[in-house]
Structures are given as C-alpha cells and as structure tokens.
Protein backbone atom coordinates (compact mmCIF):
# COMPACT_ATOMS: atom_id res chain seq x y z
CA MET A 1 17.78 -26.01 1.38
CA ALA A 2 14.69 -24.37 2.85
CA ASN A 3 11.96 -26.94 2.25
CA ASN A 4 11.64 -30.37 0.73
CA PHE A 5 10.00 -29.52 -2.62
CA VAL A 6 8.78 -33.06 -3.36
CA GLU A 7 7.25 -33.30 0.11
CA GLU A 8 5.51 -29.96 -0.50
CA LEU A 9 4.00 -31.30 -3.72
CA ARG A 10 2.99 -34.53 -2.03
CA TRP A 11 0.79 -33.01 0.69
CA ARG A 12 -0.72 -30.55 -1.77
CA GLY A 13 -1.81 -33.37 -4.10
CA MET A 14 0.44 -32.03 -6.88
CA LEU A 15 2.69 -35.04 -7.40
CA HIS A 16 1.75 -37.62 -10.01
CA THR A 17 5.06 -39.24 -10.98
CA GLU A 18 8.69 -38.62 -10.10
CA MET A 19 11.76 -40.22 -11.55
CA PRO A 20 13.61 -42.30 -8.93
CA GLY A 21 16.25 -40.23 -7.13
CA THR A 22 14.61 -36.85 -7.84
CA GLU A 23 13.82 -36.01 -4.22
CA GLU A 24 17.40 -36.81 -3.08
CA HIS A 25 18.83 -34.84 -6.04
CA LEU A 26 16.88 -31.73 -5.00
CA LEU A 27 17.86 -32.02 -1.33
CA GLU A 28 21.59 -31.91 -2.15
CA GLN A 29 21.78 -28.29 -3.38
CA MET A 30 19.97 -25.59 -5.38
CA ARG A 31 18.87 -27.02 -8.74
CA SER A 32 17.37 -25.53 -11.91
CA ALA A 33 14.12 -26.95 -13.28
CA TYR A 34 12.00 -25.92 -16.24
CA VAL A 35 8.38 -26.02 -17.35
CA GLY A 36 7.27 -25.30 -20.91
CA PHE A 37 4.42 -22.94 -21.85
CA ASP A 38 2.66 -22.66 -25.19
CA PRO A 39 2.90 -19.10 -26.63
CA THR A 40 0.12 -19.40 -29.23
CA ALA A 41 -1.91 -16.75 -27.31
CA ASP A 42 -0.82 -13.60 -25.46
CA SER A 43 -2.30 -14.94 -22.24
CA LEU A 44 -2.11 -18.09 -20.19
CA HIS A 45 -5.32 -19.63 -18.82
CA ILE A 46 -6.13 -21.39 -15.58
CA GLY A 47 -5.20 -24.73 -17.12
CA ASN A 48 -1.62 -23.38 -16.95
CA LEU A 49 -1.87 -22.56 -13.26
CA VAL A 50 -0.75 -25.98 -12.02
CA PRO A 51 2.63 -25.85 -13.84
CA ILE A 52 2.97 -22.18 -12.79
CA MET A 53 2.42 -23.19 -9.17
CA LEU A 54 4.97 -26.00 -9.59
CA LEU A 55 7.59 -23.38 -10.52
CA ALA A 56 6.44 -20.98 -7.78
CA HIS A 57 6.71 -23.64 -5.04
CA TYR A 58 10.05 -24.69 -6.55
CA GLN A 59 11.42 -21.15 -6.15
CA ARG A 60 9.99 -20.85 -2.63
CA CYS A 61 11.85 -24.03 -1.71
CA GLY A 62 15.12 -22.32 -2.70
CA HIS A 63 15.54 -23.69 -6.23
CA LYS A 64 15.85 -21.86 -9.55
CA PRO A 65 12.80 -21.94 -11.85
CA VAL A 66 13.11 -21.69 -15.64
CA ALA A 67 9.98 -20.85 -17.64
CA LEU A 68 10.38 -21.98 -21.23
CA VAL A 69 8.18 -20.37 -23.86
CA GLY A 70 7.81 -22.92 -26.65
CA GLY A 71 8.20 -20.67 -29.66
CA ALA A 72 9.49 -23.55 -31.75
CA THR A 73 7.39 -26.39 -30.31
CA GLY A 74 4.32 -24.14 -30.26
CA MET A 75 4.57 -23.99 -34.04
CA ILE A 76 4.38 -27.77 -34.37
CA GLY A 77 1.67 -28.95 -32.01
CA ASP A 78 1.93 -31.37 -29.14
CA PRO A 79 0.37 -34.77 -29.81
CA SER A 80 -0.37 -35.58 -26.18
CA GLY A 81 -4.10 -35.38 -25.75
CA LYS A 82 -4.69 -32.98 -28.62
CA SER A 83 -6.23 -33.86 -31.95
CA SER A 84 -5.21 -30.97 -34.16
CA GLU A 85 -2.03 -29.19 -35.14
CA ARG A 86 -1.25 -25.57 -34.42
CA ASN A 87 -0.76 -22.57 -36.66
CA LEU A 88 2.63 -21.15 -37.50
CA LEU A 89 3.31 -17.88 -35.67
CA ASN A 90 5.49 -15.11 -37.02
CA GLU A 91 8.35 -13.92 -34.84
CA ASP A 92 6.77 -10.56 -33.92
CA THR A 93 3.62 -12.27 -32.62
CA LEU A 94 5.77 -14.78 -30.76
CA ARG A 95 7.78 -12.05 -29.01
CA HIS A 96 4.63 -10.11 -28.11
CA ASN A 97 3.07 -13.26 -26.61
CA GLN A 98 6.30 -14.07 -24.77
CA GLU A 99 6.36 -10.66 -23.06
CA ALA A 100 2.70 -10.91 -22.10
CA ILE A 101 3.25 -14.38 -20.62
CA LYS A 102 6.32 -13.21 -18.68
CA LYS A 103 4.25 -10.39 -17.17
CA GLN A 104 1.66 -12.92 -16.00
CA LEU A 105 4.29 -15.29 -14.64
CA SER A 106 5.89 -12.45 -12.67
CA HIS A 107 2.81 -12.43 -10.38
CA PHE A 108 4.03 -15.84 -9.18
CA LEU A 109 7.78 -15.88 -9.85
CA ASP A 110 10.58 -13.48 -8.93
CA PHE A 111 12.46 -12.64 -12.15
CA THR A 112 14.07 -9.43 -10.94
CA SER A 113 15.96 -10.02 -7.68
CA ASP A 114 19.70 -10.62 -7.34
CA ALA A 115 19.05 -13.93 -5.61
CA LYS A 116 20.81 -16.96 -7.06
CA ASN A 117 17.45 -18.62 -7.58
CA ALA A 118 15.84 -15.72 -9.51
CA ALA A 119 13.54 -17.06 -12.23
CA VAL A 120 14.62 -17.08 -15.88
CA LEU A 121 12.51 -16.96 -19.06
CA VAL A 122 13.82 -18.68 -22.20
CA ASN A 123 12.35 -19.34 -25.65
CA ASN A 124 13.26 -22.53 -27.52
CA TYR A 125 12.83 -20.68 -30.81
CA ASP A 126 16.13 -18.93 -29.99
CA TRP A 127 18.15 -22.15 -30.25
CA MET A 128 15.96 -24.06 -32.70
CA LYS A 129 15.66 -21.42 -35.46
CA GLU A 130 19.26 -21.89 -36.68
CA PHE A 131 19.12 -25.69 -36.45
CA SER A 132 18.90 -27.19 -39.95
CA PHE A 133 16.82 -30.30 -40.54
CA LEU A 134 19.92 -32.29 -41.57
CA GLU A 135 21.81 -31.23 -38.43
CA PHE A 136 18.85 -32.15 -36.26
CA ILE A 137 18.37 -35.66 -37.64
CA ARG A 138 22.16 -36.24 -37.52
CA ASP A 139 22.89 -34.80 -34.06
CA VAL A 140 19.65 -35.65 -32.25
CA GLY A 141 17.47 -38.04 -34.25
CA LYS A 142 20.01 -40.82 -34.55
CA HIS A 143 20.21 -41.23 -30.77
CA ILE A 144 16.54 -42.21 -30.32
CA THR A 145 15.03 -45.26 -32.03
CA VAL A 146 11.64 -45.25 -33.70
CA ASN A 147 10.74 -48.20 -31.43
CA TYR A 148 11.40 -45.98 -28.39
CA MET A 149 9.25 -43.15 -29.81
CA MET A 150 6.41 -45.48 -30.83
CA ALA A 151 6.20 -46.91 -27.31
CA LYS A 152 5.08 -43.55 -25.88
CA ASP A 153 1.41 -43.37 -24.94
CA SER A 154 1.06 -39.97 -26.62
CA VAL A 155 2.05 -41.58 -29.92
CA LYS A 156 0.29 -44.93 -29.43
CA ASN A 157 -3.03 -43.25 -28.70
CA ARG A 158 -2.86 -41.17 -31.86
CA ILE A 159 -1.95 -43.97 -34.27
CA SER A 160 -4.16 -46.65 -32.76
CA SER A 161 -6.90 -48.25 -34.82
CA ASP A 162 -9.44 -46.22 -32.78
CA SER A 163 -8.02 -42.91 -34.00
CA SER A 164 -9.23 -41.80 -37.42
CA ASP A 165 -6.94 -38.74 -37.59
CA GLY A 166 -3.59 -40.48 -37.42
CA MET A 167 -0.51 -38.39 -36.77
CA SER A 168 1.69 -36.31 -39.02
CA PHE A 169 5.47 -36.72 -39.12
CA THR A 170 5.69 -33.16 -37.73
CA GLU A 171 3.84 -34.13 -34.58
CA PHE A 172 5.65 -37.45 -34.35
CA THR A 173 8.94 -35.54 -34.00
CA TYR A 174 7.55 -33.29 -31.25
CA GLN A 175 9.00 -35.43 -28.48
CA LEU A 176 12.46 -35.15 -30.07
CA VAL A 177 12.25 -31.36 -30.20
CA GLN A 178 11.05 -31.15 -26.59
CA GLY A 179 13.67 -33.70 -25.59
CA TYR A 180 16.34 -31.56 -27.22
CA ASP A 181 15.16 -28.52 -25.21
CA PHE A 182 15.93 -30.43 -22.02
CA LEU A 183 19.36 -31.43 -23.37
CA HIS A 184 20.10 -27.82 -24.42
CA LEU A 185 19.13 -26.41 -21.00
CA TYR A 186 21.05 -29.19 -19.25
CA LYS A 187 24.24 -28.38 -21.18
CA ASN A 188 23.93 -24.58 -21.19
CA ILE A 189 22.46 -23.62 -17.81
CA GLY A 190 22.80 -26.82 -15.77
CA CYS A 191 19.05 -27.52 -15.72
CA THR A 192 18.60 -31.05 -14.37
CA LEU A 193 14.81 -31.32 -13.94
CA GLN A 194 11.80 -30.93 -16.20
CA MET A 195 8.27 -30.68 -14.81
CA GLY A 196 4.83 -30.74 -16.42
CA GLY A 197 1.42 -32.38 -16.50
CA SER A 198 1.13 -36.15 -16.36
CA ASP A 199 0.39 -36.21 -20.12
CA GLN A 200 3.94 -34.87 -20.66
CA TRP A 201 5.75 -37.83 -19.05
CA GLY A 202 6.65 -39.41 -22.41
CA ASN A 203 8.08 -36.17 -23.82
CA ILE A 204 10.00 -35.42 -20.61
CA THR A 205 11.59 -38.85 -20.42
CA THR A 206 12.72 -38.53 -24.05
CA GLY A 207 14.71 -35.53 -22.79
CA THR A 208 16.28 -37.51 -19.96
CA GLU A 209 17.14 -40.22 -22.50
CA LEU A 210 18.89 -37.70 -24.79
CA ILE A 211 20.85 -36.31 -21.81
CA ARG A 212 21.97 -39.86 -20.97
CA ARG A 213 22.87 -40.89 -24.52
CA ILE A 214 24.41 -37.68 -25.87
CA ASP A 215 25.93 -36.11 -22.76
CA GLN A 216 26.27 -39.15 -20.49
CA GLY A 217 24.41 -37.07 -17.91
CA LYS A 218 21.45 -37.55 -15.63
CA GLY A 219 18.15 -35.67 -16.01
CA TYR A 220 15.16 -35.92 -13.69
CA ALA A 221 11.41 -35.65 -14.15
CA ILE A 222 8.35 -34.71 -12.10
CA THR A 223 4.77 -34.62 -13.32
CA CYS A 224 1.62 -33.34 -11.63
CA PRO A 225 -1.89 -34.79 -11.97
CA LEU A 226 -4.21 -33.37 -14.63
CA ILE A 227 -6.91 -31.46 -12.78
CA THR A 228 -10.41 -32.86 -13.01
CA LYS A 229 -13.71 -31.61 -11.62
CA SER A 230 -15.86 -33.78 -9.41
CA ASP A 231 -18.88 -33.42 -11.71
CA GLY A 232 -16.91 -34.69 -14.70
CA SER A 233 -16.90 -31.35 -16.57
CA LYS A 234 -13.60 -29.95 -17.80
CA PHE A 235 -11.51 -27.89 -15.39
CA GLY A 236 -10.64 -24.41 -16.66
CA LYS A 237 -13.63 -24.03 -18.94
CA SER A 238 -16.69 -21.86 -18.42
CA GLU A 239 -19.69 -21.35 -20.70
CA GLY A 240 -17.67 -18.74 -22.56
CA GLY A 241 -14.67 -21.05 -23.13
CA ASN A 242 -11.27 -20.83 -21.44
CA VAL A 243 -10.89 -18.93 -18.17
CA TRP A 244 -7.91 -16.68 -18.99
CA LEU A 245 -5.44 -14.89 -16.72
CA ASP A 246 -5.72 -11.74 -18.86
CA ALA A 247 -8.36 -9.36 -17.49
CA ASN A 248 -9.35 -8.34 -21.04
CA ARG A 249 -10.18 -11.93 -21.95
CA THR A 250 -11.77 -13.03 -18.65
CA SER A 251 -12.74 -10.19 -16.32
CA PRO A 252 -11.55 -10.36 -12.70
CA TYR A 253 -15.23 -10.63 -11.67
CA LYS A 254 -15.83 -13.71 -13.84
CA PHE A 255 -12.48 -15.13 -12.74
CA TYR A 256 -13.48 -14.67 -9.09
CA GLN A 257 -16.90 -16.23 -9.76
CA TYR A 258 -15.32 -19.29 -11.37
CA TRP A 259 -13.55 -20.22 -8.12
CA LEU A 260 -16.46 -19.10 -5.92
CA ASN A 261 -18.74 -21.57 -7.74
CA SER A 262 -16.48 -24.57 -7.03
CA SER A 263 -18.08 -27.57 -5.34
CA ASP A 264 -16.99 -28.36 -1.77
CA GLU A 265 -15.02 -31.36 -3.00
CA ASP A 266 -13.20 -29.39 -5.70
CA ALA A 267 -12.54 -26.35 -3.48
CA GLU A 268 -10.88 -28.60 -0.89
CA LYS A 269 -8.52 -29.86 -3.59
CA TYR A 270 -7.99 -26.48 -5.28
CA ILE A 271 -7.04 -24.54 -2.12
CA LYS A 272 -4.02 -26.84 -1.69
CA ILE A 273 -2.98 -26.58 -5.34
CA PHE A 274 -3.68 -22.95 -6.22
CA THR A 275 -2.69 -21.03 -3.08
CA PHE A 276 0.44 -20.63 -0.96
CA LEU A 277 -1.47 -21.09 2.30
CA ASP A 278 0.31 -23.47 4.65
CA HIS A 279 -0.82 -26.90 5.83
CA ASN A 280 -2.30 -25.75 9.17
CA THR A 281 -4.15 -22.75 7.71
CA ILE A 282 -5.74 -24.89 4.99
CA ASN A 283 -6.79 -27.56 7.48
CA GLU A 284 -8.41 -24.90 9.70
CA ILE A 285 -10.32 -23.42 6.72
CA ILE A 286 -11.54 -26.87 5.65
CA GLU A 287 -12.64 -27.84 9.17
CA GLU A 288 -14.43 -24.52 9.68
CA HIS A 289 -16.16 -24.96 6.33
CA LYS A 290 -17.46 -28.39 7.36
CA THR A 291 -19.24 -26.85 10.36
CA GLN A 292 -20.89 -24.10 8.25
CA PRO A 293 -20.83 -25.22 4.60
CA HIS A 294 -23.70 -22.85 3.62
CA ILE A 295 -21.45 -19.84 4.24
CA ARG A 296 -19.06 -21.18 1.55
CA GLY A 297 -16.02 -19.92 3.48
CA LEU A 298 -13.74 -22.40 1.72
CA GLN A 299 -14.74 -21.19 -1.74
CA LYS A 300 -14.51 -17.54 -0.69
CA ARG A 301 -10.97 -17.92 0.67
CA LEU A 302 -9.90 -19.83 -2.45
CA ALA A 303 -11.38 -17.16 -4.74
CA GLU A 304 -9.81 -14.36 -2.68
CA GLU A 305 -6.30 -15.83 -2.68
CA ILE A 306 -6.15 -16.66 -6.36
CA THR A 307 -7.89 -13.51 -7.67
CA ALA A 308 -5.56 -11.25 -5.68
CA MET A 309 -2.56 -13.21 -6.97
CA VAL A 310 -3.52 -13.23 -10.66
CA HIS A 311 -5.03 -9.73 -10.77
CA SER A 312 -4.59 -7.52 -7.68
CA LYS A 313 -6.10 -6.81 -4.28
CA GLU A 314 -7.95 -3.85 -5.80
CA GLU A 315 -9.52 -6.05 -8.51
CA LEU A 316 -10.41 -8.60 -5.84
CA GLU A 317 -12.22 -5.91 -3.83
CA ASN A 318 -14.15 -4.83 -6.94
CA ALA A 319 -15.09 -8.44 -7.69
CA GLU A 320 -16.24 -8.98 -4.09
CA LYS A 321 -18.26 -5.78 -4.17
CA ALA A 322 -19.89 -6.81 -7.46
CA SER A 323 -20.60 -10.31 -6.13
CA GLY A 324 -22.49 -8.90 -3.17
CA ILE A 325 -24.29 -6.19 -5.12
CA LEU A 326 -27.52 -8.14 -5.71
CA PHE A 327 -27.94 -8.52 -1.94
CA SER A 328 -26.84 -5.00 -1.06
CA LYS A 329 -28.94 -3.00 1.39
CA ASP A 330 -27.98 0.18 -0.50
CA PHE A 331 -28.23 -1.26 -4.00
CA LYS A 332 -28.76 2.01 -5.85
CA ASN A 333 -25.64 3.69 -4.48
CA ASP A 334 -23.50 0.56 -4.55
CA ILE A 335 -24.43 -0.33 -8.13
CA LYS A 336 -23.48 3.16 -9.29
CA GLN A 337 -19.93 2.55 -8.07
CA LEU A 338 -19.42 -0.27 -10.59
CA ASN A 339 -17.96 0.68 -13.96
CA GLU A 340 -19.91 -0.32 -17.05
CA ASN A 341 -17.88 -3.47 -17.78
CA LEU A 342 -18.34 -4.76 -14.23
CA PHE A 343 -22.04 -3.90 -14.34
CA LEU A 344 -22.46 -5.91 -17.57
CA ASP A 345 -20.51 -8.81 -16.05
CA VAL A 346 -22.84 -8.94 -13.06
CA PHE A 347 -25.92 -8.90 -15.29
CA GLU A 348 -24.58 -11.08 -18.09
CA GLY A 349 -27.35 -13.08 -19.75
CA VAL A 350 -30.12 -10.90 -18.27
CA PRO A 351 -32.76 -9.89 -20.90
CA GLN A 352 -32.23 -6.36 -22.18
CA ALA A 353 -34.42 -3.89 -24.05
CA GLU A 354 -33.32 -0.61 -25.59
CA ILE A 355 -35.33 2.57 -25.09
CA SER A 356 -34.56 6.04 -26.42
CA LYS A 357 -33.26 8.63 -23.98
CA ASP A 358 -36.03 11.15 -24.66
CA LYS A 359 -38.69 8.64 -23.50
CA ILE A 360 -36.84 8.29 -20.19
CA GLU A 361 -36.30 12.03 -19.80
CA SER A 362 -40.00 12.71 -20.28
CA GLY A 363 -40.84 9.89 -17.82
CA LEU A 364 -41.61 6.28 -18.68
CA ASP A 365 -44.66 4.77 -16.97
CA MET A 366 -44.29 1.32 -15.40
CA ILE A 367 -46.78 -0.48 -17.67
CA ALA A 368 -44.76 0.62 -20.71
CA ALA A 369 -41.49 -0.26 -18.95
CA LEU A 370 -42.70 -3.80 -18.25
CA SER A 371 -44.66 -4.59 -21.38
CA ALA A 372 -45.48 -2.20 -24.23
CA GLU A 373 -41.95 -0.79 -24.69
CA THR A 374 -39.90 -3.83 -23.65
CA ASN A 375 -41.97 -7.05 -23.92
CA PHE A 376 -40.44 -8.17 -20.59
CA LEU A 377 -43.95 -9.24 -19.61
CA ALA A 378 -46.42 -10.65 -22.12
CA SER A 379 -49.17 -8.01 -21.75
CA ASN A 380 -50.20 -4.77 -20.09
CA GLY A 381 -52.61 -6.83 -17.98
CA GLU A 382 -49.77 -9.00 -16.65
CA ALA A 383 -47.76 -5.84 -15.90
CA ARG A 384 -50.71 -4.38 -13.91
CA ARG A 385 -51.10 -7.63 -11.94
CA ALA A 386 -47.40 -7.70 -11.07
CA LEU A 387 -47.53 -4.07 -9.87
CA LYS A 388 -50.68 -4.75 -7.79
CA GLU A 389 -48.90 -7.75 -6.20
CA ASN A 390 -46.12 -5.35 -5.12
CA SER A 391 -43.56 -7.62 -6.81
CA VAL A 392 -41.93 -5.03 -9.12
CA SER A 393 -38.83 -3.00 -8.21
CA VAL A 394 -36.73 -0.43 -10.03
CA ASN A 395 -33.08 -0.61 -9.00
CA LYS A 396 -34.23 -2.84 -6.10
CA ASP A 397 -36.75 -0.24 -4.78
CA LYS A 398 -40.37 -1.47 -4.80
CA VAL A 399 -42.64 0.65 -7.06
CA LYS A 400 -46.40 1.01 -7.74
CA GLU A 401 -48.25 1.57 -11.01
CA ASP A 402 -48.04 5.36 -10.64
CA TYR A 403 -44.20 5.35 -10.66
CA SER A 404 -42.39 6.95 -13.61
CA ILE A 405 -38.86 6.01 -14.61
CA THR A 406 -36.71 9.11 -15.21
CA ALA A 407 -33.07 10.00 -15.80
CA ASP A 408 -32.57 9.93 -12.00
CA ASP A 409 -32.91 6.14 -12.14
CA LEU A 410 -30.05 5.67 -14.61
CA ILE A 411 -27.00 3.64 -13.60
CA ASN A 412 -23.83 4.66 -15.50
CA ASN A 413 -26.13 7.10 -17.39
CA LYS A 414 -27.34 4.14 -19.40
CA TYR A 415 -28.99 1.28 -17.47
CA ILE A 416 -32.00 0.58 -15.26
CA VAL A 417 -32.47 -2.71 -13.37
CA ILE A 418 -36.05 -3.96 -13.11
CA ASN A 419 -37.06 -6.97 -11.01
CA ARG A 420 -40.28 -8.92 -10.90
CA GLY A 421 -40.11 -10.99 -7.78
CA LYS A 422 -36.78 -12.47 -6.71
CA LYS A 423 -36.00 -14.50 -9.79
CA ASN A 424 -36.83 -12.31 -12.82
CA THR A 425 -34.42 -9.50 -13.65
CA TYR A 426 -34.51 -7.25 -16.71
CA ILE A 427 -32.27 -4.43 -17.92
CA ILE A 428 -33.39 -1.32 -19.76
CA LYS A 429 -30.58 0.17 -21.82
CA VAL A 430 -30.98 3.81 -22.79
CA VAL A 431 -29.79 4.69 -26.30
C-alpha cells in the first residue's frame, strides 16, 4: 500500500471515529469503501466536500472508492440532524441528478482508468426498487431489534420529549435501509468500509451489525468531524444559501470569495481538509501567513486550490481577475474583460438605477447622473458638493461637474460604475 489512509486523515483533522481494527484492515491490502450522497439536487454543495475528500484521499492511498448515490434513501429522508422529510423523486430526475453528481465527483476521483482502484458509482435505487416490503422486513428487519434502533442518537434525539415533531415510521427505518446498502455492497463487490460524517455513525454501525448477523462477516466504519466555523455560523452557507459546486448555482467568483473570506483560524483548518497539499507545504504556508497575516496568503492559496479543483484553472483566473478589479490600475480596460455575469457578481448588492439609452447617447450630465435621474444622492446640491470635493469618479476615473457620460463609458454596452469616495458605489444600467 502507498500511504496509511487513517494516518493521512489524522494529521489533516479529518478523523472523528474509527471502528477498532480499521487501520490494520486497510494496511493489509487494497480495500473498497463507500460514501453515500443525496441525489435530491443535480449538484453537490460544499457541505459534501469533506466526504468527497475522504474518497479522494482513499483512492490516492491505493484503495478503491465507491460513491453511492442514495436514490432510494434520498426518497425517505435521513433523521440524523434533519427535521423534515424529503420529496419523492421520479426515476428520470434521479438519473439526471446522478449523472450531474458523477461529473462533479470526477474532478476528485478517477472513474475512467484501468487501475484496480478506479472509482465506481452505484445507486441504491437499483437494488432497492425490486425489494418488496414483506421481503425487506423478513430478510433484513428481523435481524435488528427495535431496542438496538432506539438506542441510536439520531433516533433518540428525534423522539425525545424536547422534540415536538416526532419521527415517522419511514424515517425510523432509514438506518435499516442504509444498513442494507452496506450489506449489499459487502456481499456483491467486497466493500468492507463505510465512511461519512460523524452524524452518520449510528446508521453506519447498523450496516456493520447486519453484515455480522446476516453474513457472519466484518464491516468497518470511519467518520469525519462535522465542519464548524470559528464564529459559530454554519459552514457551507452564504447569504444566498448553500454554496454549490455547480457554476450555474454558485458562480466560480462567489465560490472563490467564500474561501477567500475565511478567518485565519478556519483557513488553517480548511487547507488541510480541502486540498491535496502535503504536510510540509501546508506548514510552510501557515508559518508564512503568521509573519504577514494582512496579505491573506493562507486564504488565497486555499481559494486557489479548491476553485481550480471544483471548476478549472481558467475559472480560477477569471475569479482572481474579478477579485482584484476594484483595485486595478487600469480599471476601465480590465472591467471590460469581465462578462456580464461576472460583472454582476462583483457588484452584487450595489444600488442600481436604470436610464434609457438615448439619454446616454446624447450625453448625461453628472448632476443628473448622481441625483435627478438616479436618486443616488439626495439632491442636486449634494451632487454639486461631491463633484467640487473631487470625490466622484466614473469607471474609477475622477470627473468634474462639466463631465458628460456617453456611450464610450459603457461596460458590456450596458453598465457604468460611479463612485463617491471610496465606500459608495453605484451602477447605472442602460435600458
């Protein structure tokens, strides 16, 4: 074996719990391990990145990763940490989502090579859809006692006196269905290890129990810590909701910004978890950052590595260019190189006013641009004062009261950026 996988997880801070004997089991020979992914959307989000990285490191250590798309379990809803059930998906939607997820996973995992440890994608809907309810309770259900299932934290928390929602029978059986997945993969492809977040420990160990009771075999389990942010806010969420891996849902620029805005404490943790950089390289980056924290070298390297991996080097370059645009020495030319979507990303949340194209073509005076036509400033008098103070710029070029905005000032044939001082930015949109 190339590397000790458990040791790799340990130094990266990615190991929460391991079943006794797991490390020795993996050092003996190449082993197959699986992680489950929820296919209720056609994209994964950065909350899925930890289990993805588990599989990626697993493959890099010479083992065979299995990505399981939970077509069946995704229809039920997982009780661990969630308060509501999921919607039923039709098979066409499920297959579409599965293909989209595989495409995203292929940025991290090698599915195509002839190597013995090439990654495999499976969908539990394929073996669960023909399973009748009677067969399931006879062949699987009878092997696990209700006492065993009730003892799981994921169940206890949901049916405790503090929980008003309770738990449906459907969700109660979730651990049996997930446990059966592990048994099925154990019997059919020799998969001996399941991995997931620490909230999955109860479901995973139900699988090892089924392997022991039904097949007299031995299954293993590894969980990773749930990622938290140092300020207490939820990891993987921005103001707009989830941070997705799909560029159409979260643009590469916003994705890049999410990592760039990490605190020092979080970035030090994230660079170990979300990149493939080695121990020495990471230590060097962290030490260098401590000598010049204002440069934010740690955050930049983290954002670079992960954006290039999830999107591409080209998208990373665009995101970097857009991130530096506000401080560009040649703003007007640089801003014109951004496409409209990237331009709107950079100026998201900036006040906008719409002005007809003919007013721009005939020349728009600065008082009107600041006040009468846009209401950016409260009055014509305030606009005059700002211009006299030399604090107004059009596309980052300082202007006086006699300046007229024309079609030459348009960015993407549609936008003009106006600044008053360093902190106030406004956008004119030509319609």
